[in-house]
Protein backbone atom coordinates (compact mmCIF):
# COMPACT_ATOMS: atom_id res chain seq x y z
CA MET A 1 12.06 3.35 45.51
CA THR A 2 10.86 2.71 41.94
CA LEU A 3 8.62 5.05 40.01
CA GLY A 4 5.69 2.66 40.43
CA GLN A 5 6.22 2.51 44.20
CA LEU A 6 6.48 6.26 44.28
CA CYS A 7 3.13 6.56 42.51
CA ASN A 8 1.47 4.04 44.83
CA SER A 9 2.80 5.86 47.85
CA LEU A 10 1.50 9.16 46.56
CA TRP A 11 -1.93 7.64 45.87
CA ASP A 12 -1.99 6.36 49.47
CA PHE A 13 -0.91 9.77 50.67
CA GLN A 14 -3.66 11.43 48.63
CA SER A 15 -6.36 9.23 50.17
CA ARG A 16 -4.87 9.40 53.71
CA PRO A 17 -2.85 12.61 54.12
CA ASP A 18 -2.32 11.80 57.77
CA VAL A 19 -0.23 8.79 56.86
CA ILE A 20 3.24 9.00 55.33
CA THR A 21 4.32 5.67 53.89
CA PRO A 22 7.78 4.38 54.82
CA ALA A 23 8.91 4.75 51.22
CA LEU A 24 7.98 8.41 51.18
CA SER A 25 9.49 9.00 54.58
CA GLN A 26 12.81 7.54 53.55
CA SER A 27 12.83 9.28 50.18
CA PHE A 28 11.57 12.72 51.08
CA LEU A 29 11.70 13.29 54.80
CA GLN A 30 14.85 11.75 56.17
CA PRO A 31 17.15 14.36 57.78
CA ARG A 32 19.93 15.73 55.63
CA SER A 33 23.20 17.29 56.58
CA PRO A 34 23.57 20.91 55.53
CA HIS A 35 26.48 19.72 53.41
CA ASP A 36 24.53 16.87 51.80
CA PRO A 37 24.90 17.35 48.02
CA ARG A 38 21.38 15.99 47.52
CA ILE A 39 19.78 19.09 49.04
CA LEU A 40 18.51 21.47 46.35
CA SER A 41 19.42 25.10 46.26
CA PRO A 42 16.57 27.56 47.01
CA PRO A 43 15.95 28.56 43.35
CA ASP A 44 15.61 24.90 42.41
CA SER A 45 13.22 24.13 45.22
CA LYS A 46 11.08 27.11 44.17
CA ALA A 47 10.83 25.55 40.68
CA ILE A 48 9.21 22.51 42.28
CA VAL A 49 6.67 24.62 44.09
CA ASP A 50 5.82 26.36 40.79
CA GLY A 51 5.17 22.99 39.20
CA ASN A 52 7.72 23.79 36.49
CA LEU A 53 10.12 20.97 37.38
CA LYS A 54 12.92 22.76 35.49
CA LEU A 55 15.46 21.90 38.14
CA ILE A 56 18.58 19.92 38.77
CA LEU A 57 17.75 16.84 40.82
CA TYR A 58 20.63 15.82 43.01
CA ILE A 59 20.24 12.07 42.86
CA THR A 60 22.54 9.66 44.55
CA PHE A 61 22.78 5.98 43.81
CA SER A 62 25.35 3.26 43.48
CA PRO A 63 27.48 3.14 40.30
CA PRO A 64 25.59 0.17 38.75
CA ASP A 65 22.31 2.03 39.22
CA SER A 66 23.69 5.18 37.61
CA LYS A 67 24.62 3.13 34.57
CA ALA A 68 21.05 1.86 34.49
CA ILE A 69 19.81 5.45 34.21
CA VAL A 70 22.24 6.19 31.43
CA ASP A 71 20.98 3.08 29.64
CA GLY A 72 17.39 4.27 30.10
CA ASN A 73 16.53 1.19 32.16
CA LEU A 74 15.32 3.12 35.22
CA LYS A 75 16.25 0.26 37.58
CA LEU A 76 17.20 2.64 40.39
CA ILE A 77 16.11 4.27 43.62
CA LEU A 78 15.47 7.99 43.40
CA TYR A 79 16.60 9.87 46.47
CA ILE A 80 15.08 13.30 46.15
CA THR A 81 15.44 15.87 48.89
CA PHE A 82 14.01 19.31 49.19
CA SER A 83 14.70 22.32 51.29
CA PRO A 84 12.61 22.37 54.50
CA PRO A 85 9.85 24.66 53.15
CA ASP A 86 9.28 22.43 50.11
CA SER A 87 9.34 19.18 52.05
CA LYS A 88 6.82 20.74 54.41
CA ALA A 89 4.54 21.35 51.39
CA ILE A 90 4.57 17.62 50.71
CA VAL A 91 3.90 16.78 54.35
CA ASP A 92 1.02 19.27 54.31
CA GLY A 93 -0.53 17.41 51.37
CA ASN A 94 -0.06 19.97 48.59
CA LEU A 95 -1.57 17.76 45.87
CA LYS A 96 -0.88 20.28 43.11
CA LEU A 97 2.80 20.05 43.90
CA ILE A 98 2.88 16.29 44.39
CA LEU A 99 0.75 15.23 41.44
CA GLY A 100 2.30 17.78 39.09
CA MET A 101 5.73 16.36 39.90
CA VAL A 102 4.53 12.76 39.52
CA TRP A 103 2.77 13.44 36.20
CA THR A 104 5.88 15.04 34.77
CA LEU A 105 7.92 11.99 35.79
CA ILE A 106 5.33 9.64 34.30
CA LEU A 107 5.10 11.62 31.08
CA HIS A 108 8.85 11.56 30.66
CA TYR A 109 9.80 8.07 31.81
CA SER A 110 6.68 5.98 31.09
CA ILE A 111 5.25 7.64 27.98
CA SER A 112 7.99 9.61 26.24
CA MET A 113 11.02 7.36 26.70
CA PRO A 114 9.88 3.90 25.50
CA MET A 115 10.92 2.85 22.00
CA TRP A 116 7.71 2.77 19.97
CA ASP A 117 6.95 0.50 17.05
CA GLU A 118 6.67 3.40 14.64
CA GLU A 119 10.13 4.64 15.60
CA GLU A 120 11.60 1.20 15.22
CA LYS A 121 10.16 1.14 11.70
CA GLY A 122 11.49 4.58 10.89
CA GLY A 123 8.19 6.42 11.38
CA ASP A 124 7.62 10.04 12.35
CA GLY A 125 6.93 9.28 16.01
CA GLN A 126 9.67 11.64 17.20
CA HIS A 127 7.71 14.60 15.81
CA LYS A 128 4.57 13.78 17.82
CA THR A 129 3.61 14.58 21.37
CA PRO A 130 3.67 11.74 23.92
CA LYS A 131 -0.14 11.67 23.84
CA GLN A 132 -0.22 11.40 20.06
CA ARG A 133 2.38 8.63 20.08
CA LEU A 134 0.47 6.57 22.62
CA LEU A 135 -2.84 7.09 20.83
CA GLY A 136 -1.27 6.18 17.49
CA TRP A 137 0.17 2.98 18.92
CA ILE A 138 -3.24 1.96 20.29
CA GLN A 139 -4.96 2.76 17.00
CA ASN A 140 -2.48 0.54 15.16
CA LYS A 141 -3.17 -2.28 17.60
CA LEU A 142 -6.95 -1.90 17.33
CA PRO A 143 -7.81 -1.09 13.70
CA GLU A 144 -11.29 -2.57 14.10
CA ILE A 145 -12.23 -0.17 16.92
CA SER A 146 -12.57 3.60 16.70
CA ILE A 147 -10.28 5.08 19.37
CA HIS A 148 -9.72 8.85 19.32
CA ASN A 149 -9.30 9.80 22.97
CA PHE A 150 -8.46 8.52 26.45
CA SER A 151 -11.91 8.93 27.97
CA ARG A 152 -15.22 8.26 26.21
CA ASP A 153 -13.94 5.66 23.75
CA TRP A 154 -13.12 3.36 26.68
CA GLN A 155 -16.60 3.47 28.28
CA SER A 156 -17.78 -0.04 27.34
CA GLY A 157 -14.67 -1.80 28.63
CA ARG A 158 -14.50 -3.83 25.42
CA ALA A 159 -11.73 -1.71 23.94
CA LEU A 160 -9.61 -2.57 26.96
CA GLY A 161 -10.25 -6.27 26.37
CA ALA A 162 -9.39 -5.86 22.70
CA LEU A 163 -6.11 -4.16 23.63
CA VAL A 164 -5.16 -6.97 26.02
CA ASN A 165 -6.01 -9.56 23.37
CA SER A 166 -4.09 -7.70 20.66
CA CYS A 167 -0.97 -7.73 22.85
CA VAL A 168 -1.41 -11.45 23.56
CA PRO A 169 -3.94 -13.20 21.29
CA GLY A 170 -6.10 -15.52 23.36
CA LEU A 171 -5.80 -13.67 26.66
CA CYS A 172 -9.18 -11.96 26.13
CA ALA A 173 -10.27 -13.88 23.05
CA ASP A 174 -14.01 -13.30 23.53
CA TRP A 175 -13.84 -9.55 24.14
CA ASN A 176 -16.10 -8.79 21.17
CA GLN A 177 -18.88 -10.83 22.80
CA TRP A 178 -18.76 -8.99 26.10
CA ASP A 179 -22.00 -7.36 27.20
CA GLN A 180 -21.77 -3.63 26.51
CA THR A 181 -24.30 -2.99 29.27
CA LYS A 182 -21.75 -4.24 31.82
CA PRO A 183 -18.77 -1.93 31.26
CA VAL A 184 -17.32 -2.28 34.76
CA ASP A 185 -17.30 -6.07 34.53
CA ASN A 186 -15.65 -5.86 31.12
CA ALA A 187 -12.94 -3.49 32.32
CA ARG A 188 -12.38 -5.53 35.48
CA GLU A 189 -11.83 -8.73 33.48
CA ALA A 190 -9.41 -7.03 31.05
CA MET A 191 -7.44 -5.31 33.81
CA LYS A 192 -7.27 -8.51 35.82
CA GLN A 193 -5.76 -10.42 32.87
CA ALA A 194 -3.33 -7.57 32.20
CA ASP A 195 -2.30 -7.50 35.85
CA ASN A 196 -1.93 -11.26 36.25
CA TRP A 197 -0.22 -12.14 32.97
CA LEU A 198 1.28 -8.94 31.54
CA GLY A 199 2.50 -7.46 34.79
CA ILE A 200 0.49 -4.26 34.31
CA PRO A 201 -0.60 -2.93 37.73
CA GLN A 202 -4.05 -1.42 38.09
CA VAL A 203 -3.11 2.19 38.79
CA ILE A 204 -6.73 3.07 37.98
CA THR A 205 -9.90 1.23 38.95
CA PRO A 206 -12.34 -0.39 36.48
CA GLU A 207 -15.05 2.00 37.65
CA GLU A 208 -12.86 4.99 36.85
CA ILE A 209 -11.65 3.93 33.40
CA VAL A 210 -15.23 3.45 32.09
CA ASP A 211 -16.33 6.81 33.47
CA PRO A 212 -16.75 9.22 30.51
CA ASN A 213 -15.45 12.04 32.72
CA VAL A 214 -12.32 10.19 33.76
CA ASP A 215 -9.08 12.16 33.90
CA GLU A 216 -7.22 11.39 30.65
CA HIS A 217 -3.86 11.56 32.43
CA SER A 218 -4.84 8.61 34.62
CA VAL A 219 -5.93 6.55 31.60
CA MET A 220 -2.74 7.46 29.71
CA THR A 221 -0.66 6.43 32.70
CA TYR A 222 -2.33 3.03 32.79
CA LEU A 223 -2.28 2.40 29.03
CA SER A 224 1.34 3.51 28.66
CA GLN A 225 2.36 0.24 30.33
CA PHE A 226 1.05 -1.90 27.44
CA PRO A 227 3.56 -1.21 24.64
CA LYS A 228 6.46 -3.01 26.32
CA SER A 229 4.51 -5.49 28.43
CA LYS A 230 5.73 -9.09 28.48
CA LEU A 231 3.66 -12.24 28.83
CA LYS A 232 4.30 -14.33 31.89
CA PRO A 233 4.66 -18.11 31.53
CA GLY A 234 1.57 -20.23 32.08
CA ALA A 235 -1.02 -17.74 30.86
CA PRO A 236 -4.40 -19.41 30.14
CA LEU A 237 -4.56 -18.55 26.45
CA CYS A 238 -7.81 -19.50 24.76
CA PRO A 239 -8.31 -19.49 20.99
CA GLY A 240 -11.86 -18.32 21.60
CA LEU A 241 -14.18 -17.29 18.81
CA ASN A 242 -13.65 -14.06 16.92
CA PRO A 243 -15.28 -14.07 13.47
CA LYS A 244 -13.97 -10.56 12.80
CA ASN A 245 -10.48 -12.05 12.66
CA ALA A 246 -11.51 -14.13 9.65
CA CYS A 247 -10.98 -12.56 6.25
CA ALA A 248 -11.97 -13.20 2.65
CA TYR A 249 -10.03 -12.39 -0.50
CA GLY A 250 -10.25 -13.17 -4.20
CA PRO A 251 -12.01 -11.99 -7.39
CA GLY A 252 -15.40 -13.35 -6.31
CA ILE A 253 -15.88 -10.57 -3.74
CA GLU A 254 -14.35 -7.73 -5.73
CA PRO A 255 -16.75 -4.83 -6.49
CA VAL A 256 -16.28 -5.29 -10.25
CA GLY A 257 -14.90 -7.95 -12.57
CA ASN A 258 -17.50 -10.73 -12.17
CA PHE A 259 -19.87 -11.76 -14.98
CA VAL A 260 -23.10 -13.62 -15.55
CA MET A 261 -22.80 -17.40 -15.87
CA LYS A 262 -19.12 -17.27 -15.02
CA LYS A 263 -17.80 -18.91 -11.85
CA ALA A 264 -16.86 -16.36 -9.16
CA VAL A 265 -14.26 -17.68 -6.72
CA PHE A 266 -12.67 -16.43 -3.50
CA THR A 267 -10.98 -17.71 -0.33
CA VAL A 268 -11.94 -17.40 3.33
CA GLU A 269 -9.12 -17.58 5.91
CA THR A 270 -10.02 -18.42 9.52
CA ILE A 271 -6.67 -19.11 11.22
CA SER A 272 -7.21 -16.35 13.82
CA ALA A 273 -10.97 -16.70 14.21
CA GLY A 274 -11.17 -19.87 16.29
CA MET A 275 -13.25 -22.93 15.49
CA GLY A 276 -16.43 -22.64 13.43
CA GLU A 277 -18.22 -23.36 10.18
CA VAL A 278 -18.07 -21.15 7.08
CA LEU A 279 -21.33 -20.41 5.28
CA VAL A 280 -21.72 -18.15 2.25
CA HIS A 281 -24.97 -16.79 0.81
CA VAL A 282 -25.33 -14.81 -2.43
CA GLU A 283 -28.33 -12.51 -2.95
CA ASP A 284 -29.10 -11.19 -6.45
CA PRO A 285 -30.69 -7.78 -7.25
CA ALA A 286 -34.19 -9.29 -7.09
CA GLY A 287 -33.60 -10.61 -3.56
CA HIS A 288 -33.21 -14.27 -4.51
CA LYS A 289 -30.68 -16.07 -2.29
CA GLU A 290 -28.47 -19.03 -3.07
CA GLU A 291 -25.90 -20.82 -0.95
CA ALA A 292 -22.41 -20.81 -2.43
CA LYS A 293 -20.23 -23.90 -2.59
CA VAL A 294 -17.71 -23.96 0.30
CA THR A 295 -14.84 -26.46 0.47
CA ALA A 296 -12.37 -26.77 3.35
CA ASN A 297 -8.75 -26.84 2.18
CA ASN A 298 -7.46 -28.38 5.44
CA ASP A 299 -4.28 -26.31 5.32
CA MET A 300 -2.26 -24.56 8.04
CA ASN A 301 -4.15 -21.26 7.60
CA GLN A 302 -7.55 -22.98 7.85
CA THR A 303 -8.73 -21.63 4.50
CA TYR A 304 -11.89 -22.42 2.57
CA SER A 305 -12.40 -22.21 -1.20
CA VAL A 306 -15.73 -20.68 -2.23
CA PHE A 307 -17.45 -20.28 -5.60
CA TYR A 308 -20.82 -19.22 -6.95
CA ILE A 309 -22.24 -18.61 -10.44
CA PRO A 310 -24.30 -15.41 -10.82
CA LYS A 311 -27.22 -15.79 -13.22
CA VAL A 312 -28.24 -12.16 -13.66
CA THR A 313 -26.49 -8.83 -13.96
CA GLY A 314 -26.57 -6.14 -11.28
CA MET A 315 -25.52 -5.64 -7.68
CA HIS A 316 -25.18 -8.87 -5.68
CA LYS A 317 -24.67 -9.15 -1.92
CA VAL A 318 -22.24 -11.84 -0.77
CA THR A 319 -22.62 -12.69 2.92
CA VAL A 320 -19.79 -14.65 4.57
CA LEU A 321 -20.54 -16.12 8.01
CA PHE A 322 -18.17 -17.82 10.43
CA ALA A 323 -19.89 -19.69 13.26
CA GLY A 324 -23.08 -17.88 12.29
CA LEU A 325 -21.54 -14.39 12.53
CA HIS A 326 -20.32 -11.98 9.87
CA ILE A 327 -16.60 -12.01 9.18
CA ASN A 328 -14.64 -8.81 8.67
CA LYS A 329 -16.20 -6.58 5.94
CA SER A 330 -19.13 -8.96 5.32
CA PRO A 331 -21.46 -8.58 3.46
CA TYR A 332 -19.61 -7.72 0.25
CA GLU A 333 -21.24 -5.87 -2.66
CA VAL A 334 -20.40 -7.32 -6.07
CA ASP A 335 -21.56 -5.71 -9.32
CA VAL A 336 -22.05 -8.53 -11.84
CA GLY A 337 -21.67 -7.54 -15.49
CA MET A 338 -22.74 -9.06 -18.79
CA ALA A 339 -21.46 -12.52 -19.59
CA GLN A 340 -18.11 -12.80 -21.27
CA GLY A 341 -17.13 -15.71 -23.45
CA ASP A 342 -15.66 -16.81 -26.79
CA SER A 343 -18.11 -15.49 -29.39
CA SER A 344 -16.23 -17.29 -32.18
CA LYS A 345 -17.50 -20.60 -30.81
CA ALA A 346 -21.17 -19.64 -31.24
CA THR A 347 -22.97 -20.45 -34.49
CA ALA A 348 -26.32 -19.65 -36.11
CA GLN A 349 -28.26 -21.26 -38.96
CA GLY A 350 -31.77 -21.48 -40.40
CA PRO A 351 -33.99 -20.06 -43.15
CA GLY A 352 -34.13 -16.68 -41.44
CA LEU A 353 -30.45 -16.16 -42.27
CA GLU A 354 -30.60 -17.23 -45.92
CA PRO A 355 -29.62 -14.43 -48.32
CA ALA A 356 -32.83 -14.91 -50.31
CA GLY A 357 -36.18 -16.62 -49.96
CA ASN A 358 -37.71 -14.59 -47.12
CA ILE A 359 -40.60 -12.23 -47.78
CA ALA A 360 -42.14 -9.30 -45.99
CA ASN A 361 -44.92 -9.91 -43.47
CA LYS A 362 -44.05 -13.58 -43.23
CA THR A 363 -42.49 -14.95 -40.07
CA THR A 364 -39.13 -16.64 -40.41
CA TYR A 365 -36.57 -17.98 -37.96
CA PHE A 366 -33.03 -19.19 -37.35
CA ASP A 367 -31.26 -21.07 -34.53
CA VAL A 368 -28.24 -19.95 -32.49
CA TYR A 369 -26.03 -22.47 -30.73
CA THR A 370 -24.34 -21.00 -27.66
CA ALA A 371 -24.88 -20.33 -23.93
CA GLU A 372 -26.54 -16.93 -24.17
CA VAL A 373 -27.37 -14.80 -27.17
CA GLU A 374 -28.58 -11.35 -28.20
CA VAL A 375 -30.10 -10.50 -31.61
CA VAL A 376 -30.50 -7.07 -33.22
CA ILE A 377 -32.11 -6.69 -36.66
CA MET A 378 -31.56 -3.56 -38.77
CA ASP A 379 -34.11 -2.94 -41.57
CA PRO A 380 -33.34 -1.37 -44.97
CA ALA A 381 -33.98 2.09 -43.52
CA GLY A 382 -31.19 1.58 -40.99
CA LYS A 383 -33.52 1.31 -37.98
CA LYS A 384 -32.77 -1.32 -35.34
CA ASN A 385 -35.90 -1.24 -33.22
CA VAL A 386 -38.57 -1.90 -35.86
CA VAL A 387 -38.19 -5.62 -36.44
CA VAL A 388 -38.83 -7.41 -33.18
CA SER A 389 -37.12 -10.73 -32.56
CA GLN A 390 -38.16 -13.41 -30.10
CA ILE A 391 -35.55 -15.76 -28.66
CA GLU A 392 -36.62 -19.19 -27.48
CA ASP A 393 -34.37 -21.43 -25.39
CA LYS A 394 -34.46 -24.88 -26.96
CA GLY A 395 -32.10 -26.39 -24.41
CA ASN A 396 -28.59 -27.77 -24.80
CA SER A 397 -27.25 -24.23 -25.31
CA SER A 398 -29.45 -23.76 -28.38
CA TYR A 399 -31.73 -20.78 -29.00
CA ARG A 400 -34.31 -20.14 -31.75
CA CYS A 401 -34.82 -16.60 -32.93
CA THR A 402 -38.11 -15.75 -34.69
CA TYR A 403 -38.80 -12.43 -36.44
CA LYS A 404 -41.24 -10.92 -38.93
CA PRO A 405 -39.87 -8.26 -41.27
CA THR A 406 -42.30 -5.58 -42.47
CA LEU A 407 -40.29 -4.08 -45.30
CA GLU A 408 -38.75 -5.58 -48.39
CA GLY A 409 -35.07 -5.10 -49.05
CA ALA A 410 -31.77 -5.96 -47.40
CA HIS A 411 -31.86 -6.51 -43.65
CA THR A 412 -28.75 -6.82 -41.47
CA ILE A 413 -28.92 -9.24 -38.54
CA TYR A 414 -26.41 -8.93 -35.70
CA VAL A 415 -26.02 -11.96 -33.48
CA THR A 416 -23.85 -11.42 -30.41
CA PHE A 417 -22.66 -13.68 -27.64
CA ALA A 418 -20.99 -12.30 -24.51
CA GLY A 419 -20.85 -8.87 -26.12
CA GLY A 420 -19.06 -10.07 -29.27
CA GLN A 421 -20.20 -10.95 -32.78
CA ILE A 422 -20.55 -14.67 -33.40
CA SER A 423 -19.01 -16.34 -36.42
CA LYS A 424 -20.20 -14.82 -39.79
CA SER A 425 -22.21 -12.13 -38.02
CA PRO A 426 -23.64 -9.76 -39.18
CA PHE A 427 -25.84 -11.62 -41.67
CA THR A 428 -27.37 -9.88 -44.71
CA VAL A 429 -30.88 -11.09 -45.59
CA ASN A 430 -32.80 -9.82 -48.65
CA ILE A 431 -36.49 -9.63 -47.84
CA GLY A 432 -38.85 -9.82 -50.82
CA GLU A 433 -42.17 -8.09 -51.25
CA ALA A 434 -45.08 -9.33 -49.26
CA CYS A 435 -47.25 -11.83 -51.22
CA ASN A 436 -50.61 -10.42 -52.49
CA PRO A 437 -52.31 -12.96 -54.83
CA SER A 438 -55.14 -10.55 -55.64
CA LEU A 439 -52.71 -8.51 -57.70
CA VAL A 440 -51.74 -11.46 -59.90
CA ARG A 441 -53.24 -11.48 -63.43
CA ALA A 442 -53.41 -14.22 -66.04
CA LYS A 443 -54.56 -14.12 -69.74
CA GLY A 444 -54.17 -16.06 -72.95
CA ARG A 445 -55.87 -18.49 -75.35
CA GLY A 446 -55.46 -21.32 -72.88
CA LEU A 447 -57.81 -19.56 -70.44
CA GLN A 448 -60.62 -18.86 -72.93
CA PRO A 449 -63.87 -20.64 -72.20
CA LYS A 450 -64.34 -21.72 -75.87
CA GLY A 451 -62.33 -22.31 -79.03
CA LEU A 452 -59.88 -24.94 -77.90
CA ARG A 453 -59.61 -28.31 -79.64
CA VAL A 454 -58.28 -31.64 -78.45
CA LYS A 455 -54.55 -32.13 -78.96
CA GLU A 456 -53.98 -28.44 -79.66
CA THR A 457 -51.59 -26.42 -77.51
CA ALA A 458 -53.35 -24.10 -75.10
CA ASP A 459 -51.17 -21.41 -73.57
CA PHE A 460 -51.60 -18.40 -71.27
CA ARG A 461 -49.43 -15.96 -69.33
CA VAL A 462 -49.43 -15.05 -65.60
CA PHE A 463 -48.46 -11.53 -64.52
CA THR A 464 -47.23 -11.22 -60.87
CA LYS A 465 -45.79 -7.74 -60.92
CA GLY A 466 -46.63 -5.91 -57.70
CA ALA A 467 -47.99 -9.06 -56.05
CA GLY A 468 -44.88 -9.72 -54.04
CA THR A 469 -42.80 -12.83 -53.81
CA GLY A 470 -44.37 -16.25 -53.87
CA GLU A 471 -44.51 -19.62 -55.57
CA LEU A 472 -46.68 -19.94 -58.69
CA LYS A 473 -48.63 -23.17 -58.96
CA VAL A 474 -51.03 -24.15 -61.79
CA THR A 475 -53.51 -27.03 -61.56
CA ILE A 476 -55.64 -28.22 -64.53
CA LYS A 477 -58.80 -30.25 -64.04
CA GLY A 478 -60.33 -32.19 -67.00
CA PRO A 479 -63.89 -33.55 -67.52
CA ARG A 480 -62.91 -36.94 -66.14
CA SER A 481 -60.97 -35.64 -63.09
CA GLY A 482 -64.03 -35.17 -61.04
């Protein structure tokens, strides 16, 4: 009989020790001639009783079947015979003997012998224990689920559905939507699909596999059938809906590298997620949300092109939804930096940038033509935080900067755009003294109240030293001007 039939017979024997199945009877209990080469010598039979299984099994089979063993195919019938005392131990229901022998066979033929993916790829699987190899294979199949053992991590039944679906996408497509409060139902559905369409018999019940105290050997025995399972024709594969199978990639969702007022773009791929709509929301550091622009590309991978334009610096949260649910790794955190651009294309002009003509304590201004600007003014003492500038958005990418210097002398004005100096920046502006008319003096014959005659030249002088910078204007009023 096959190894699977042997296991089933032993399970029946465990539950009903009074019944010996025909397969067991023919394999273990049929009379042997004293000269039958399949009868073990006493030392070997004692090894079985000790559970060591370090023995020489005298197995007889037809030549084609022996070649199958050599090929590792295990398409054979094992005829194992024991000396009378040992066979009596089986008849008496010595479960330690029976199950120890069966587990050793399972560990060797079902778990240790199969060719694993990691070995096929030249991995280090040959240096691991059978348990580690099986666990590693499952972890590679289920990267989105944390699996570290063969007991508690299978409690919800969803991991089993995920494993079935990873072997054949669409067989348990909706496993991630299964109700975690119904673990038995979840496990039953997954095991039923595996039995019907992958040919994986249920050597353990759904109730047992979701039990946190389940025997790990039983779970390993069941799961060891998945690596080389084959899909039967006619399986009812359903694309289902699995937003976690959708993915996003591109600079627009990278943690760094995006800037204010610059378009951030990325792509969403939904080929394995089923049918649904893609929605993207961007939340800035202040909590303001905007919907990004999403365009379907109508290609074979069902991709969508997405872009948004951040307006402020700081950490942004980009939420990508497929059919109303988060895709894998959503939401994304994106740190938006200062705007970057071509500072050489920005210009500035106005009286506030003229080398001369500005005076202390008098407000002046200049205009900057660009998308976004920053102004720093350094006074004659080399201080940059004394002269305060105000920037007014005039529209059409034009800004007016107004400032009021407090000291006379040369001021240096730095105008930057996107972190770089604009054309001709920095500007040097000489600020004159503040205007104080009370310090202006005037004297001369032309200002005397008496002594002037008609048609004679009347002159006088005006002294402005210390009065600051200003325009001098003289007005003369005669007797008839009034």
